Amino acid sequence: MSNVLSRRSLILGGLVSAATLAAPAVVRATPTGTVGPDRLWIQRPETGEILNHPFVSRDNRVHRQAWASYSYFWRDIKDGGQAVWMDPRLLVHLSRLQVEISRQRGEEVLLYLNSGYRTVERNARIEGAAQRSLHCVGCAADFFGRNVPHRTLLTIADALPQVGGVGGYSSFTHIDTGAGTRRWGTAVAVRDHRLEAQRARG
């Protein structure tokens, strides 16, 4: 079965469509967020869609439905709503980041997904985008936090265990689950500063 999803495609062994599965959970907004391990409180600024529920469950069917909801949420809204199954490790990284930034600020922090999955065709039209971008295989996220400085998000992202790439941009932060530890943009300066501080503490 192809890993490509769309509103018309059938997923979960052909039991339900992406539209009927994902849409109710995606559009469900809550008055306050719930931040914690294995869940996200996240919004798409362009559409106003919000997800706020766990992406992990001991019930295999519930777990797969949640994964499908997040994968649909990550879809390329600028290229026909095409989607792929997201790398679950990416959701874990973002959840850990959200928990930590919320702990530091003493309040639940909403994350905004600036760019999730991208089709290869659309990625090729984006100036400066990597030719083999991990956005094209469901392994990357560009995001920002409500009322949170980007440098703060970068510092937390850089310290995440087993995170692959971290990129710092003027208006968003990039993380991915690619191989190796990679840093670019302002993330490089943030990492160097963090390492210097660690050395100073001995």
Protein backbone atom coordinates (compact mmCIF):
# COMPACT_ATOMS: atom_id res chain seq x y z
CA MET A 1 0.00 0.00 0.00
CA SER A 2 1.35 3.45 -0.89
CA ASN A 3 2.31 5.72 1.97
CA VAL A 4 0.73 8.68 0.18
CA LEU A 5 -2.50 9.96 1.72
CA SER A 6 -5.09 12.40 0.47
CA ARG A 7 -8.69 13.26 1.14
CA ARG A 8 -9.73 10.67 -1.44
CA SER A 9 -7.35 7.90 -0.54
CA LEU A 10 -8.36 5.04 1.73
CA ILE A 11 -6.15 4.32 4.69
CA LEU A 12 -6.10 1.91 7.61
CA GLY A 13 -6.54 -1.06 5.33
CA GLY A 14 -9.28 0.66 3.36
CA LEU A 15 -11.57 1.04 6.37
CA VAL A 16 -11.96 4.83 6.43
CA SER A 17 -10.92 7.77 4.31
CA ALA A 18 -8.46 10.42 5.37
CA ALA A 19 -11.27 12.96 5.23
CA THR A 20 -13.64 11.13 7.57
CA LEU A 21 -10.87 10.02 9.90
CA ALA A 22 -8.78 13.12 10.27
CA ALA A 23 -11.06 16.08 9.77
CA PRO A 24 -13.15 15.78 12.99
CA ALA A 25 -10.06 15.58 15.19
CA VAL A 26 -8.19 18.27 13.29
CA VAL A 27 -10.83 20.96 13.54
CA ARG A 28 -11.62 20.32 17.18
CA ALA A 29 -10.46 23.41 19.04
CA THR A 30 -10.24 23.49 22.83
CA PRO A 31 -10.39 26.58 25.06
CA THR A 32 -7.08 25.71 26.70
CA GLY A 33 -4.31 23.44 25.55
CA THR A 34 -3.21 20.24 27.19
CA VAL A 35 0.55 19.82 27.07
CA GLY A 36 2.22 16.59 28.08
CA PRO A 37 4.25 13.59 26.95
CA ASP A 38 3.06 11.80 23.80
CA ARG A 39 0.68 14.55 22.72
CA LEU A 40 0.76 17.91 20.97
CA TRP A 41 -1.16 21.18 21.06
CA ILE A 42 -0.50 22.54 17.58
CA GLN A 43 -2.17 24.78 14.99
CA ARG A 44 -1.90 25.45 11.24
CA PRO A 45 -1.87 29.27 10.93
CA GLU A 46 -3.11 29.20 7.32
CA THR A 47 -6.25 27.18 8.05
CA GLY A 48 -6.83 27.64 11.77
CA GLU A 49 -6.94 23.86 12.25
CA ILE A 50 -5.91 22.64 15.69
CA LEU A 51 -4.81 19.27 16.99
CA ASN A 52 -4.76 18.62 20.70
CA HIS A 53 -4.80 14.93 21.52
CA PRO A 54 -2.33 12.08 22.17
CA PHE A 55 -0.50 10.48 19.27
CA VAL A 56 0.26 7.32 21.28
CA SER A 57 -2.22 4.73 22.58
CA ARG A 58 -2.00 1.15 23.82
CA ASP A 59 -5.03 0.40 21.66
CA ASN A 60 -3.54 -0.30 18.23
CA ARG A 61 -6.57 0.98 16.32
CA VAL A 62 -6.74 4.21 18.34
CA HIS A 63 -2.99 4.63 17.95
CA ARG A 64 -3.20 4.26 14.17
CA GLN A 65 -6.14 6.65 13.96
CA ALA A 66 -4.18 9.26 15.93
CA TRP A 67 -1.15 8.78 13.70
CA ALA A 68 -3.38 9.25 10.65
CA SER A 69 -4.83 12.45 12.12
CA TYR A 70 -1.38 13.91 12.67
CA SER A 71 -0.22 12.75 9.24
CA TYR A 72 -3.22 14.41 7.61
CA PHE A 73 -2.62 17.56 9.69
CA TRP A 74 0.96 17.65 8.31
CA ARG A 75 -0.34 17.52 4.71
CA ASP A 76 0.83 19.85 1.95
CA ILE A 77 -2.04 22.33 2.00
CA LYS A 78 -0.46 24.22 -0.92
CA ASP A 79 -0.45 21.21 -3.23
CA GLY A 80 -3.85 19.58 -3.17
CA GLY A 81 -3.71 18.43 0.43
CA GLN A 82 -1.42 15.51 -0.35
CA ALA A 83 0.04 13.75 2.66
CA VAL A 84 2.28 10.89 3.74
CA TRP A 85 2.62 8.92 6.96
CA MET A 86 4.66 11.09 9.31
CA ASP A 87 7.73 9.80 11.13
CA PRO A 88 6.45 9.25 14.71
CA ARG A 89 9.84 10.30 16.09
CA LEU A 90 9.18 13.82 14.84
CA LEU A 91 6.04 14.02 16.96
CA VAL A 92 8.01 12.81 19.97
CA HIS A 93 10.64 15.53 19.47
CA LEU A 94 8.00 18.25 19.19
CA SER A 95 6.13 16.95 22.23
CA ARG A 96 9.29 17.01 24.35
CA LEU A 97 10.07 20.51 23.13
CA GLN A 98 6.56 21.71 23.94
CA VAL A 99 6.69 20.23 27.43
CA GLU A 100 10.05 21.89 28.14
CA ILE A 101 9.15 25.33 26.78
CA SER A 102 5.88 25.23 28.72
CA ARG A 103 7.78 24.28 31.89
CA GLN A 104 10.22 27.14 31.42
CA ARG A 105 7.52 29.73 30.81
CA GLY A 106 5.12 28.46 33.46
CA GLU A 107 2.24 28.19 30.99
CA GLU A 108 1.12 25.92 28.18
CA VAL A 109 2.67 27.08 24.90
CA LEU A 110 0.82 26.57 21.62
CA LEU A 111 3.00 25.54 18.67
CA TYR A 112 2.26 26.61 15.09
CA LEU A 113 3.18 24.37 12.15
CA ASN A 114 4.59 26.63 9.46
CA SER A 115 5.50 23.83 7.03
CA GLY A 116 5.04 20.08 7.31
CA TYR A 117 4.99 17.64 4.42
CA ARG A 118 5.86 19.02 0.99
CA THR A 119 5.40 17.31 -2.34
CA VAL A 120 8.59 16.99 -4.37
CA GLU A 121 7.06 19.21 -7.04
CA ARG A 122 6.25 22.06 -4.65
CA ASN A 123 9.56 21.73 -2.85
CA ALA A 124 11.35 22.24 -6.18
CA ARG A 125 9.58 25.58 -6.56
CA ILE A 126 10.72 26.91 -3.17
CA GLU A 127 13.81 29.09 -3.41
CA GLY A 128 16.60 27.80 -1.20
CA ALA A 129 14.86 24.51 -0.30
CA ALA A 130 17.12 21.45 -0.16
CA GLN A 131 16.73 19.23 -3.20
CA ARG A 132 16.35 16.16 -0.98
CA SER A 133 14.42 17.91 1.76
CA LEU A 134 13.19 15.71 4.58
CA HIS A 135 9.90 17.62 4.34
CA CYS A 136 9.24 15.48 1.25
CA VAL A 137 9.27 12.22 3.21
CA GLY A 138 7.35 13.28 6.31
CA CYS A 139 10.39 13.68 8.56
CA ALA A 140 10.53 17.46 9.14
CA ALA A 141 8.66 20.39 10.63
CA ASP A 142 9.06 24.16 10.47
CA PHE A 143 7.32 25.72 13.46
CA PHE A 144 7.18 28.58 15.91
CA GLY A 145 5.71 29.08 19.37
CA ARG A 146 3.16 31.60 20.54
CA ASN A 147 4.99 34.53 22.15
CA VAL A 148 8.24 32.56 22.32
CA PRO A 149 11.58 33.92 21.03
CA HIS A 150 13.03 31.76 18.28
CA ARG A 151 16.37 31.58 20.08
CA THR A 152 14.62 29.96 23.05
CA LEU A 153 13.04 27.32 20.81
CA LEU A 154 16.40 26.71 19.12
CA THR A 155 18.15 26.16 22.44
CA ILE A 156 15.60 23.54 23.46
CA ALA A 157 15.54 21.90 20.03
CA ASP A 158 19.34 21.66 19.97
CA ALA A 159 19.31 19.81 23.30
CA LEU A 160 16.66 17.24 22.28
CA PRO A 161 18.01 13.69 22.46
CA GLN A 162 18.48 12.00 19.09
CA VAL A 163 17.14 14.92 17.05
CA GLY A 164 18.72 15.08 13.60
CA GLY A 165 18.66 18.49 11.95
CA VAL A 166 17.95 21.81 13.62
CA GLY A 167 17.83 24.97 11.53
CA GLY A 168 17.37 28.51 12.74
CA TYR A 169 15.51 31.04 10.58
CA SER A 170 14.23 34.55 11.18
CA SER A 171 10.61 33.54 11.76
CA PHE A 172 10.64 29.80 12.47
CA THR A 173 12.63 26.80 13.68
CA HIS A 174 13.22 23.62 11.68
CA ILE A 175 13.72 20.14 13.13
CA ASP A 176 13.94 16.77 11.41
CA THR A 177 14.71 13.13 12.09
CA GLY A 178 17.41 12.75 9.47
CA ALA A 179 20.65 10.90 10.10
CA GLY A 180 23.45 12.61 11.98
CA THR A 181 23.55 15.79 14.00
CA ARG A 182 23.19 18.77 11.70
CA ARG A 183 22.84 22.47 12.56
CA TRP A 184 22.52 25.51 10.29
CA GLY A 185 21.45 29.12 10.33
CA THR A 186 21.23 30.70 13.76
CA ALA A 187 21.06 27.19 15.26
CA VAL A 188 24.84 26.99 14.87
CA ALA A 189 25.45 29.99 17.12
CA VAL A 190 22.94 28.68 19.65
CA ARG A 191 24.65 25.30 19.81
CA ASP A 192 28.10 26.86 20.18
CA HIS A 193 26.85 29.09 22.99
CA ARG A 194 25.28 26.11 24.77
CA LEU A 195 28.50 24.08 24.49
CA GLU A 196 30.57 26.98 25.83
CA ALA A 197 28.22 27.31 28.78
CA GLN A 198 28.53 23.58 29.49
CA ARG A 199 32.32 23.79 29.41
CA ALA A 200 32.29 26.79 31.75
CA ARG A 201 30.27 24.80 34.28
CA GLY A 202 32.92 22.09 34.09
